[in-house]
């Protein structure tokens, strides 16, 4: 009797006629233990159920096989892997840094604003840095105004995680994407 080759095997699990053991411990489609069977009997059992015989544990004595729908099993496995990858990407947002000047030109400001908006829409954090040189340290409020203006312009896409903070000659501010934006 020919066994139906229902599933196509794309990974390292052996199915149906690919299994080379003489005797196998068979687990039924509902998880019940059927017992030790000859390979041909196990294949017949699987074909009557219109399912596949999948080698789960090749190193067992005897090897363990399960009667299941292999394509459905692979689909569920891929779905779980995709979900895990999605969760992993959500946790791994990048940090992009933009350096501004207290006397930044309008064109430069708009370009950096446009680029930062793209990253915020993508879900990345943005760190804004203003570096003060020489006598600019006497007017740190100019740098704060630039940062506040930047935050105000991207307020549709971002929330302020860290307000402007002066550390030596550098003032920094952190922006995070809004939750409902994703």
N, C-alpha and C. Protein backbone atom coordinates (compact mmCIF):
# COMPACT_ATOMS: atom_id res chain seq x y z
N UNK A 1 0.85 -1.19 0.00
CA UNK A 1 0.00 0.00 0.00
C UNK A 1 0.88 1.24 0.00
N UNK A 2 0.61 2.16 -0.87
CA UNK A 2 1.40 3.39 -0.98
C UNK A 2 0.93 4.41 0.03
N UNK A 3 1.91 5.05 0.71
CA UNK A 3 1.59 6.08 1.69
C UNK A 3 1.49 7.42 0.96
N UNK A 4 0.46 8.18 1.32
CA UNK A 4 0.29 9.48 0.69
C UNK A 4 1.41 10.41 1.11
N UNK A 5 2.06 11.05 0.17
CA UNK A 5 3.09 12.05 0.48
C UNK A 5 2.41 13.40 0.61
N UNK A 6 1.74 13.62 1.71
CA UNK A 6 0.92 14.83 1.88
C UNK A 6 1.79 16.07 2.02
N UNK A 7 2.82 16.00 2.88
CA UNK A 7 3.61 17.19 3.19
C UNK A 7 4.93 17.18 2.43
N UNK A 8 5.42 18.36 2.19
CA UNK A 8 6.76 18.51 1.62
C UNK A 8 7.68 18.95 2.75
N UNK A 9 8.82 18.31 2.86
CA UNK A 9 9.72 18.58 3.97
C UNK A 9 10.75 19.63 3.58
N UNK A 10 10.74 20.78 4.27
CA UNK A 10 11.69 21.85 3.97
C UNK A 10 12.70 22.09 5.08
N UNK A 11 12.52 21.45 6.24
CA UNK A 11 13.52 21.63 7.29
C UNK A 11 14.08 20.27 7.70
N UNK A 12 14.69 20.17 8.85
CA UNK A 12 15.46 18.98 9.19
C UNK A 12 14.65 17.83 9.76
N UNK A 13 13.32 17.92 9.83
CA UNK A 13 12.52 16.82 10.35
C UNK A 13 12.21 15.82 9.24
N UNK A 14 12.33 14.54 9.56
CA UNK A 14 12.03 13.50 8.58
C UNK A 14 10.55 13.16 8.67
N UNK A 15 9.93 12.96 7.50
CA UNK A 15 8.51 12.63 7.47
C UNK A 15 8.28 11.44 6.53
N UNK A 16 7.22 10.69 6.81
CA UNK A 16 6.74 9.58 5.98
C UNK A 16 7.86 8.65 5.50
N UNK A 17 8.09 8.56 4.19
CA UNK A 17 9.05 7.60 3.63
C UNK A 17 10.50 7.97 3.89
N UNK A 18 10.77 9.13 4.42
CA UNK A 18 12.15 9.53 4.71
C UNK A 18 12.66 8.86 5.99
N UNK A 19 11.78 8.36 6.82
CA UNK A 19 12.16 7.72 8.08
C UNK A 19 12.73 6.35 7.77
N UNK A 20 13.91 6.01 8.31
CA UNK A 20 14.61 4.77 7.99
C UNK A 20 14.65 3.76 9.13
N UNK A 21 14.05 4.06 10.28
CA UNK A 21 14.09 3.13 11.42
C UNK A 21 13.15 1.96 11.16
N UNK A 22 13.43 0.78 11.79
CA UNK A 22 12.56 -0.39 11.63
C UNK A 22 11.32 -0.27 12.52
N UNK A 23 11.58 0.06 13.79
CA UNK A 23 10.48 0.20 14.75
C UNK A 23 10.48 1.63 15.29
N UNK A 24 9.28 2.14 15.53
CA UNK A 24 9.16 3.49 16.08
C UNK A 24 8.10 3.49 17.17
N UNK A 25 8.28 4.38 18.13
CA UNK A 25 7.26 4.62 19.15
C UNK A 25 6.31 5.65 18.56
N UNK A 26 5.04 5.31 18.42
CA UNK A 26 4.08 6.15 17.74
C UNK A 26 3.23 6.91 18.75
N UNK A 27 3.11 8.21 18.54
CA UNK A 27 2.22 9.06 19.33
C UNK A 27 1.10 9.50 18.39
N UNK A 28 -0.13 9.32 18.81
CA UNK A 28 -1.29 9.60 17.97
C UNK A 28 -1.50 11.09 17.75
N UNK A 29 -2.46 11.43 16.88
CA UNK A 29 -2.71 12.84 16.56
C UNK A 29 -3.21 13.66 17.74
N UNK A 30 -3.82 13.01 18.74
CA UNK A 30 -4.32 13.74 19.91
C UNK A 30 -3.35 13.68 21.09
N UNK A 31 -2.14 13.19 20.86
CA UNK A 31 -1.14 13.14 21.92
C UNK A 31 -1.13 11.83 22.69
N UNK A 32 -2.02 10.90 22.34
CA UNK A 32 -2.04 9.62 23.05
C UNK A 32 -0.93 8.71 22.53
N UNK A 33 -0.38 7.89 23.41
CA UNK A 33 0.71 7.00 23.03
C UNK A 33 0.12 5.72 22.46
N UNK A 34 0.42 5.45 21.18
CA UNK A 34 -0.11 4.27 20.50
C UNK A 34 0.74 3.04 20.83
N UNK A 35 2.05 3.22 20.94
CA UNK A 35 2.95 2.13 21.29
C UNK A 35 4.02 1.94 20.23
N UNK A 36 4.84 0.90 20.43
CA UNK A 36 5.92 0.60 19.49
C UNK A 36 5.34 -0.17 18.32
N UNK A 37 5.57 0.31 17.11
CA UNK A 37 5.03 -0.30 15.89
C UNK A 37 6.15 -0.46 14.87
N UNK A 38 5.94 -1.39 13.95
CA UNK A 38 6.82 -1.48 12.80
C UNK A 38 6.62 -0.22 11.96
N UNK A 39 7.64 0.24 11.26
CA UNK A 39 7.56 1.48 10.49
C UNK A 39 6.41 1.43 9.49
N UNK A 40 6.25 0.29 8.80
CA UNK A 40 5.21 0.17 7.79
C UNK A 40 3.82 0.30 8.41
N UNK A 41 3.64 -0.30 9.61
CA UNK A 41 2.35 -0.20 10.30
C UNK A 41 2.07 1.26 10.70
N UNK A 42 3.10 1.95 11.17
CA UNK A 42 2.95 3.35 11.57
C UNK A 42 2.59 4.22 10.37
N UNK A 43 3.23 3.97 9.23
CA UNK A 43 2.92 4.72 8.01
C UNK A 43 1.49 4.45 7.55
N UNK A 44 1.05 3.20 7.67
CA UNK A 44 -0.33 2.84 7.31
C UNK A 44 -1.31 3.57 8.22
N UNK A 45 -1.01 3.57 9.52
CA UNK A 45 -1.85 4.26 10.50
C UNK A 45 -1.99 5.75 10.14
N UNK A 46 -0.87 6.37 9.79
CA UNK A 46 -0.87 7.80 9.43
C UNK A 46 -1.65 8.04 8.14
N UNK A 47 -1.49 7.16 7.16
CA UNK A 47 -2.19 7.36 5.88
C UNK A 47 -3.70 7.18 6.03
N UNK A 48 -4.13 6.27 6.91
CA UNK A 48 -5.57 6.11 7.16
C UNK A 48 -6.15 7.37 7.79
N UNK A 49 -5.37 8.04 8.60
CA UNK A 49 -5.84 9.27 9.24
C UNK A 49 -5.67 10.47 8.31
N UNK A 50 -5.11 10.26 7.11
CA UNK A 50 -4.81 11.32 6.14
C UNK A 50 -3.88 12.37 6.75
N UNK A 51 -2.91 11.88 7.54
CA UNK A 51 -1.92 12.75 8.17
C UNK A 51 -0.53 12.25 7.85
N UNK A 52 0.47 12.89 8.39
CA UNK A 52 1.86 12.51 8.15
C UNK A 52 2.45 11.87 9.39
N UNK A 53 3.45 11.01 9.17
CA UNK A 53 4.22 10.44 10.27
C UNK A 53 5.52 11.25 10.34
N UNK A 54 5.71 11.95 11.45
CA UNK A 54 6.85 12.86 11.59
C UNK A 54 7.78 12.35 12.67
N UNK A 55 9.06 12.25 12.35
CA UNK A 55 10.07 11.79 13.30
C UNK A 55 10.39 12.94 14.26
N UNK A 56 9.96 12.82 15.51
CA UNK A 56 10.14 13.88 16.50
C UNK A 56 11.48 13.75 17.19
N UNK A 57 11.81 12.53 17.66
CA UNK A 57 13.05 12.31 18.39
C UNK A 57 13.81 11.14 17.76
N UNK A 58 14.75 11.44 16.86
CA UNK A 58 15.47 10.36 16.17
C UNK A 58 16.44 9.61 17.09
N UNK A 59 16.84 10.22 18.21
CA UNK A 59 17.84 9.60 19.08
C UNK A 59 17.23 8.70 20.14
N UNK A 60 15.90 8.63 20.22
CA UNK A 60 15.25 7.79 21.22
C UNK A 60 15.45 6.31 20.91
N UNK A 61 15.15 5.45 21.88
CA UNK A 61 15.27 4.02 21.66
C UNK A 61 13.94 3.39 22.00
N UNK A 62 13.06 3.08 21.12
CA UNK A 62 13.10 3.33 19.67
C UNK A 62 12.81 4.81 19.36
N UNK A 63 13.10 5.24 18.11
CA UNK A 63 12.82 6.63 17.72
C UNK A 63 11.34 6.95 17.88
N UNK A 64 11.04 8.20 18.25
CA UNK A 64 9.67 8.62 18.50
C UNK A 64 9.12 9.35 17.29
N UNK A 65 7.93 8.91 16.84
CA UNK A 65 7.25 9.54 15.71
C UNK A 65 5.86 9.98 16.15
N UNK A 66 5.37 11.03 15.53
CA UNK A 66 4.04 11.52 15.86
C UNK A 66 3.21 11.61 14.58
N UNK A 67 1.95 11.24 14.69
CA UNK A 67 1.02 11.35 13.58
C UNK A 67 0.41 12.75 13.66
N UNK A 68 0.68 13.58 12.63
CA UNK A 68 0.18 14.96 12.64
C UNK A 68 0.11 15.50 11.22
N UNK A 69 -0.57 16.64 11.09
CA UNK A 69 -0.60 17.36 9.83
C UNK A 69 0.67 18.21 9.79
N UNK A 70 1.66 17.78 9.02
CA UNK A 70 2.97 18.42 9.03
C UNK A 70 2.93 19.85 8.50
N UNK A 71 2.13 20.08 7.46
CA UNK A 71 2.04 21.44 6.91
C UNK A 71 1.46 22.41 7.94
N UNK A 72 0.45 21.97 8.67
CA UNK A 72 -0.15 22.81 9.71
C UNK A 72 0.87 23.08 10.81
N UNK A 73 1.64 22.06 11.18
CA UNK A 73 2.68 22.19 12.21
C UNK A 73 3.72 23.23 11.77
N UNK A 74 4.17 23.14 10.52
CA UNK A 74 5.17 24.09 9.99
C UNK A 74 4.60 25.51 9.96
N UNK A 75 3.33 25.63 9.56
CA UNK A 75 2.69 26.94 9.50
C UNK A 75 2.64 27.57 10.89
N UNK A 76 2.22 26.81 11.89
CA UNK A 76 2.16 27.32 13.27
C UNK A 76 3.54 27.72 13.75
N UNK A 77 4.54 26.92 13.41
CA UNK A 77 5.92 27.20 13.83
C UNK A 77 6.42 28.52 13.20
N UNK A 78 6.13 28.71 11.91
CA UNK A 78 6.53 29.95 11.23
C UNK A 78 5.80 31.15 11.81
N UNK A 79 4.51 30.97 12.14
CA UNK A 79 3.72 32.05 12.71
C UNK A 79 4.29 32.49 14.05
N UNK A 80 4.67 31.51 14.89
CA UNK A 80 5.27 31.83 16.20
C UNK A 80 6.59 32.55 16.02
N UNK A 81 7.41 32.09 15.06
CA UNK A 81 8.70 32.72 14.82
C UNK A 81 8.51 34.17 14.35
N UNK A 82 7.52 34.40 13.50
CA UNK A 82 7.23 35.75 13.00
C UNK A 82 6.80 36.67 14.13
N UNK A 83 5.93 36.15 15.02
CA UNK A 83 5.47 36.93 16.18
C UNK A 83 6.64 37.29 17.09
N UNK A 84 7.51 36.31 17.33
CA UNK A 84 8.68 36.55 18.19
C UNK A 84 9.57 37.61 17.58
N UNK A 85 9.75 37.56 16.26
CA UNK A 85 10.58 38.55 15.57
C UNK A 85 9.95 39.94 15.66
N UNK A 86 8.62 39.99 15.55
CA UNK A 86 7.92 41.27 15.64
C UNK A 86 8.09 41.88 17.03
N UNK A 87 7.95 41.04 18.07
CA UNK A 87 8.15 41.53 19.44
C UNK A 87 9.59 41.98 19.66
N UNK A 88 10.54 41.24 19.07
CA UNK A 88 11.95 41.60 19.22
C UNK A 88 12.23 42.95 18.56
N UNK A 89 11.66 43.18 17.38
CA UNK A 89 11.87 44.45 16.69
C UNK A 89 11.25 45.60 17.46
N UNK A 90 10.11 45.35 18.10
CA UNK A 90 9.45 46.40 18.87
C UNK A 90 10.32 46.83 20.05
N UNK A 91 11.06 45.89 20.61
CA UNK A 91 11.91 46.20 21.76
C UNK A 91 13.24 46.83 21.35
N UNK A 92 13.62 46.67 20.10
CA UNK A 92 14.93 47.15 19.66
C UNK A 92 14.80 48.40 18.79
N UNK A 93 14.44 49.51 19.39
CA UNK A 93 14.38 50.73 18.60
C UNK A 93 15.77 51.37 18.60
N UNK A 94 16.11 51.96 17.49
CA UNK A 94 17.43 52.58 17.36
C UNK A 94 17.42 53.98 17.96
N UNK A 95 18.60 54.49 18.22
CA UNK A 95 18.75 55.85 18.71
C UNK A 95 19.50 56.65 17.65
N UNK A 96 18.85 57.69 17.15
CA UNK A 96 19.47 58.56 16.16
C UNK A 96 19.80 59.87 16.82
N UNK A 97 21.00 60.37 16.55
CA UNK A 97 21.43 61.63 17.17
C UNK A 97 21.54 62.71 16.10
N UNK A 98 21.01 63.88 16.42
CA UNK A 98 21.12 65.04 15.53
C UNK A 98 21.81 66.15 16.29
N UNK A 99 22.85 66.71 15.68
CA UNK A 99 23.60 67.81 16.29
C UNK A 99 23.11 69.11 15.70
N UNK A 100 22.68 69.97 16.57
CA UNK A 100 22.20 71.29 16.15
C UNK A 100 23.15 72.35 16.70
N UNK A 101 22.96 73.56 16.23
CA UNK A 101 23.77 74.68 16.69
C UNK A 101 22.82 75.75 17.23
N UNK A 102 23.26 76.54 18.21
CA UNK A 102 22.38 77.60 18.71
C UNK A 102 22.06 78.64 17.62
N UNK A 103 22.89 78.72 16.59
CA UNK A 103 22.67 79.68 15.51
C UNK A 103 22.42 78.93 14.19
N UNK A 104 21.62 77.84 14.24
CA UNK A 104 21.38 77.01 13.06
C UNK A 104 20.54 77.76 12.03
N UNK A 105 20.86 77.55 10.76
CA UNK A 105 20.14 78.19 9.67
C UNK A 105 18.79 77.48 9.45
N UNK A 106 17.83 78.17 8.89
CA UNK A 106 16.48 77.61 8.70
C UNK A 106 16.51 76.37 7.80
N UNK A 107 17.29 76.41 6.74
CA UNK A 107 17.38 75.27 5.81
C UNK A 107 17.92 74.02 6.50
N UNK A 108 19.00 74.19 7.26
CA UNK A 108 19.58 73.06 8.00
C UNK A 108 18.59 72.53 9.03
N UNK A 109 17.92 73.43 9.71
CA UNK A 109 16.94 73.05 10.73
C UNK A 109 15.82 72.21 10.10
N UNK A 110 15.31 72.67 8.95
CA UNK A 110 14.21 71.96 8.28
C UNK A 110 14.66 70.58 7.80
N UNK A 111 15.87 70.48 7.28
CA UNK A 111 16.39 69.18 6.82
C UNK A 111 16.50 68.21 7.97
N UNK A 112 17.09 68.63 9.07
CA UNK A 112 17.23 67.75 10.25
C UNK A 112 15.86 67.40 10.82
N UNK A 113 14.94 68.32 10.78
CA UNK A 113 13.59 68.09 11.26
C UNK A 113 12.90 67.02 10.41
N UNK A 114 13.04 67.13 9.09
CA UNK A 114 12.44 66.16 8.17
C UNK A 114 13.00 64.75 8.40
N UNK A 115 14.33 64.64 8.53
CA UNK A 115 14.98 63.35 8.76
C UNK A 115 14.57 62.75 10.10
N UNK A 116 14.54 63.58 11.12
CA UNK A 116 14.17 63.10 12.46
C UNK A 116 12.72 62.63 12.46
N UNK A 117 11.85 63.31 11.74
CA UNK A 117 10.44 62.91 11.67
C UNK A 117 10.31 61.52 11.06
N UNK A 118 11.10 61.25 10.00
CA UNK A 118 11.07 59.92 9.37
C UNK A 118 11.43 58.84 10.39
N UNK A 119 12.50 59.09 11.15
CA UNK A 119 12.92 58.09 12.14
C UNK A 119 11.90 57.93 13.26
N UNK A 120 11.29 59.00 13.68
CA UNK A 120 10.27 58.92 14.72
C UNK A 120 9.06 58.13 14.23
N UNK A 121 8.67 58.32 12.97
CA UNK A 121 7.55 57.58 12.40
C UNK A 121 7.89 56.10 12.30
N UNK A 122 9.17 55.80 12.10
CA UNK A 122 9.61 54.41 12.01
C UNK A 122 9.67 53.75 13.39
N UNK A 123 9.67 54.56 14.46
CA UNK A 123 9.67 54.01 15.81
C UNK A 123 10.99 54.14 16.53
N UNK A 124 11.93 54.92 16.00
CA UNK A 124 13.24 55.09 16.63
C UNK A 124 13.23 56.31 17.56
N UNK A 125 14.12 56.26 18.55
CA UNK A 125 14.29 57.41 19.44
C UNK A 125 15.21 58.42 18.76
N UNK A 126 15.08 59.67 19.14
CA UNK A 126 15.93 60.74 18.59
C UNK A 126 16.56 61.51 19.74
N UNK A 127 17.88 61.69 19.65
CA UNK A 127 18.61 62.48 20.64
C UNK A 127 19.08 63.75 19.95
N UNK A 128 18.71 64.88 20.51
CA UNK A 128 19.12 66.17 19.95
C UNK A 128 20.24 66.74 20.81
N UNK A 129 21.28 67.21 20.15
CA UNK A 129 22.43 67.75 20.86
C UNK A 129 22.75 69.14 20.32
N UNK A 130 22.95 70.10 21.23
CA UNK A 130 23.41 71.44 20.85
C UNK A 130 24.77 71.61 21.51
N UNK A 131 25.78 71.92 20.71
CA UNK A 131 27.14 72.10 21.22
C UNK A 131 27.45 73.60 21.22
N UNK A 132 27.83 74.11 22.38
CA UNK A 132 28.15 75.54 22.51
C UNK A 132 29.65 75.73 22.36
N UNK A 133 30.02 76.76 21.54
CA UNK A 133 31.44 77.05 21.32
C UNK A 133 31.75 78.45 21.84
N UNK A 134 32.86 78.58 22.49
CA UNK A 134 33.35 79.89 22.92
C UNK A 134 32.34 80.70 23.70
N UNK A 135 32.05 81.89 23.20
CA UNK A 135 31.17 82.83 23.92
C UNK A 135 29.70 82.45 23.86
N UNK A 136 29.36 81.41 23.08
CA UNK A 136 27.97 80.96 23.03
C UNK A 136 27.51 80.44 24.39
N UNK A 137 28.48 80.06 25.25
CA UNK A 137 28.14 79.56 26.59
C UNK A 137 27.41 80.63 27.42
N UNK A 138 27.60 81.87 27.08
CA UNK A 138 26.93 82.96 27.81
C UNK A 138 25.44 83.03 27.45
N UNK A 139 25.06 82.39 26.33
CA UNK A 139 23.67 82.45 25.87
C UNK A 139 23.12 81.05 25.63
N UNK A 140 23.11 80.21 26.67
CA UNK A 140 22.60 78.85 26.53
C UNK A 140 21.09 78.84 26.26
N UNK A 141 20.42 79.94 26.57
CA UNK A 141 18.97 79.99 26.31
C UNK A 141 18.67 79.90 24.81
N UNK A 142 19.62 80.32 23.95
CA UNK A 142 19.43 80.20 22.50
C UNK A 142 19.37 78.73 22.09
N UNK A 143 20.24 77.92 22.68
CA UNK A 143 20.24 76.47 22.41
C UNK A 143 18.96 75.82 22.90
N UNK A 144 18.51 76.24 24.08
CA UNK A 144 17.26 75.69 24.64
C UNK A 144 16.08 76.05 23.71
N UNK A 145 16.08 77.28 23.17
CA UNK A 145 15.02 77.69 22.25
C UNK A 145 15.01 76.83 20.99
N UNK A 146 16.19 76.53 20.46
CA UNK A 146 16.30 75.68 19.26
C UNK A 146 15.72 74.30 19.56
N UNK A 147 16.09 73.71 20.70
CA UNK A 147 15.59 72.38 21.07
C UNK A 147 14.08 72.39 21.28
N UNK A 148 13.58 73.43 21.96
CA UNK A 148 12.14 73.53 22.21
C UNK A 148 11.37 73.69 20.89
N UNK A 149 11.91 74.49 19.99
CA UNK A 149 11.27 74.69 18.69
C UNK A 149 11.22 73.37 17.90
N UNK A 150 12.33 72.60 17.97
CA UNK A 150 12.41 71.30 17.30
C UNK A 150 11.35 70.35 17.87
N UNK A 151 11.28 70.27 19.22
CA UNK A 151 10.32 69.39 19.89
C UNK A 151 8.89 69.79 19.55
N UNK A 152 8.64 71.09 19.47
CA UNK A 152 7.30 71.58 19.15
C UNK A 152 6.89 71.17 17.73
N UNK A 153 7.84 71.24 16.80
CA UNK A 153 7.55 70.90 15.40
C UNK A 153 7.29 69.40 15.19
N UNK A 154 7.91 68.53 16.01
CA UNK A 154 7.70 67.08 15.87
C UNK A 154 6.72 66.55 16.92
N UNK A 155 6.02 67.44 17.62
CA UNK A 155 5.13 67.01 18.70
C UNK A 155 4.01 66.09 18.22
N UNK A 156 3.70 66.13 16.94
CA UNK A 156 2.68 65.25 16.37
C UNK A 156 3.16 63.79 16.39
N UNK A 157 4.47 63.57 16.29
CA UNK A 157 5.04 62.23 16.19
C UNK A 157 5.80 61.80 17.43
N UNK A 158 6.18 62.75 18.30
CA UNK A 158 7.08 62.42 19.41
C UNK A 158 6.67 63.07 20.71
N UNK A 159 7.08 62.41 21.79
CA UNK A 159 6.96 62.96 23.14
C UNK A 159 8.37 63.22 23.65
N UNK A 160 8.48 64.16 24.58
CA UNK A 160 9.79 64.47 25.16
C UNK A 160 10.06 63.47 26.28
N UNK A 161 11.14 62.70 26.13
CA UNK A 161 11.52 61.75 27.17
C UNK A 161 12.40 62.45 28.21
N UNK A 162 13.30 63.30 27.71
CA UNK A 162 14.20 64.03 28.61
C UNK A 162 14.22 65.49 28.17
N UNK A 163 13.90 66.37 29.07
CA UNK A 163 13.89 67.81 28.76
C UNK A 163 15.33 68.28 28.51
N UNK A 164 15.50 69.44 27.84
CA UNK A 164 16.85 69.95 27.58
C UNK A 164 17.67 70.06 28.87
N UNK A 165 18.87 69.48 28.83
CA UNK A 165 19.73 69.45 30.01
C UNK A 165 21.14 69.84 29.60
N UNK A 166 21.72 70.79 30.31
CA UNK A 166 23.07 71.26 30.01
C UNK A 166 24.08 70.42 30.76
N UNK A 167 25.06 69.89 30.03
CA UNK A 167 26.12 69.09 30.62
C UNK A 167 27.44 69.58 30.02
N UNK A 168 28.13 70.44 30.76
CA UNK A 168 29.36 71.04 30.23
C UNK A 168 29.02 72.01 29.12
N UNK A 169 29.57 71.78 27.93
CA UNK A 169 29.30 72.63 26.78
C UNK A 169 28.21 72.05 25.87
N UNK A 170 27.57 70.97 26.30
CA UNK A 170 26.57 70.27 25.48
C UNK A 170 25.21 70.27 26.15
N UNK A 171 24.17 70.59 25.39
CA UNK A 171 22.80 70.51 25.88
C UNK A 171 22.12 69.39 25.09
N UNK A 172 21.51 68.44 25.79
CA UNK A 172 20.87 67.32 25.12
C UNK A 172 19.39 67.24 25.47
N UNK A 173 18.65 66.59 24.56
CA UNK A 173 17.22 66.38 24.74
C UNK A 173 16.87 65.07 24.04
N UNK A 174 16.00 64.25 24.67
CA UNK A 174 15.60 62.96 24.07
C UNK A 174 14.13 63.02 23.68
N UNK A 175 13.85 62.51 22.47
CA UNK A 175 12.48 62.39 21.98
C UNK A 175 12.17 60.93 21.71
N UNK A 176 10.97 60.50 22.09
CA UNK A 176 10.55 59.11 21.81
C UNK A 176 9.28 59.17 20.98
N UNK A 177 9.09 58.16 20.11
CA UNK A 177 7.89 58.16 19.27
C UNK A 177 6.63 57.98 20.11
N UNK A 178 5.55 58.59 19.66
CA UNK A 178 4.28 58.43 20.37
C UNK A 178 3.78 57.01 20.16
N UNK A 179 3.09 56.47 21.17
CA UNK A 179 2.63 55.08 21.12
C UNK A 179 1.58 54.86 20.03
N UNK A 180 0.64 55.78 19.87
CA UNK A 180 -0.42 55.60 18.89
C UNK A 180 0.07 55.81 17.45
N UNK A 181 1.32 56.24 17.29
CA UNK A 181 1.89 56.51 15.97
C UNK A 181 2.22 55.22 15.23
N UNK A 182 2.53 54.17 15.99
CA UNK A 182 2.96 52.90 15.37
C UNK A 182 1.80 52.26 14.79
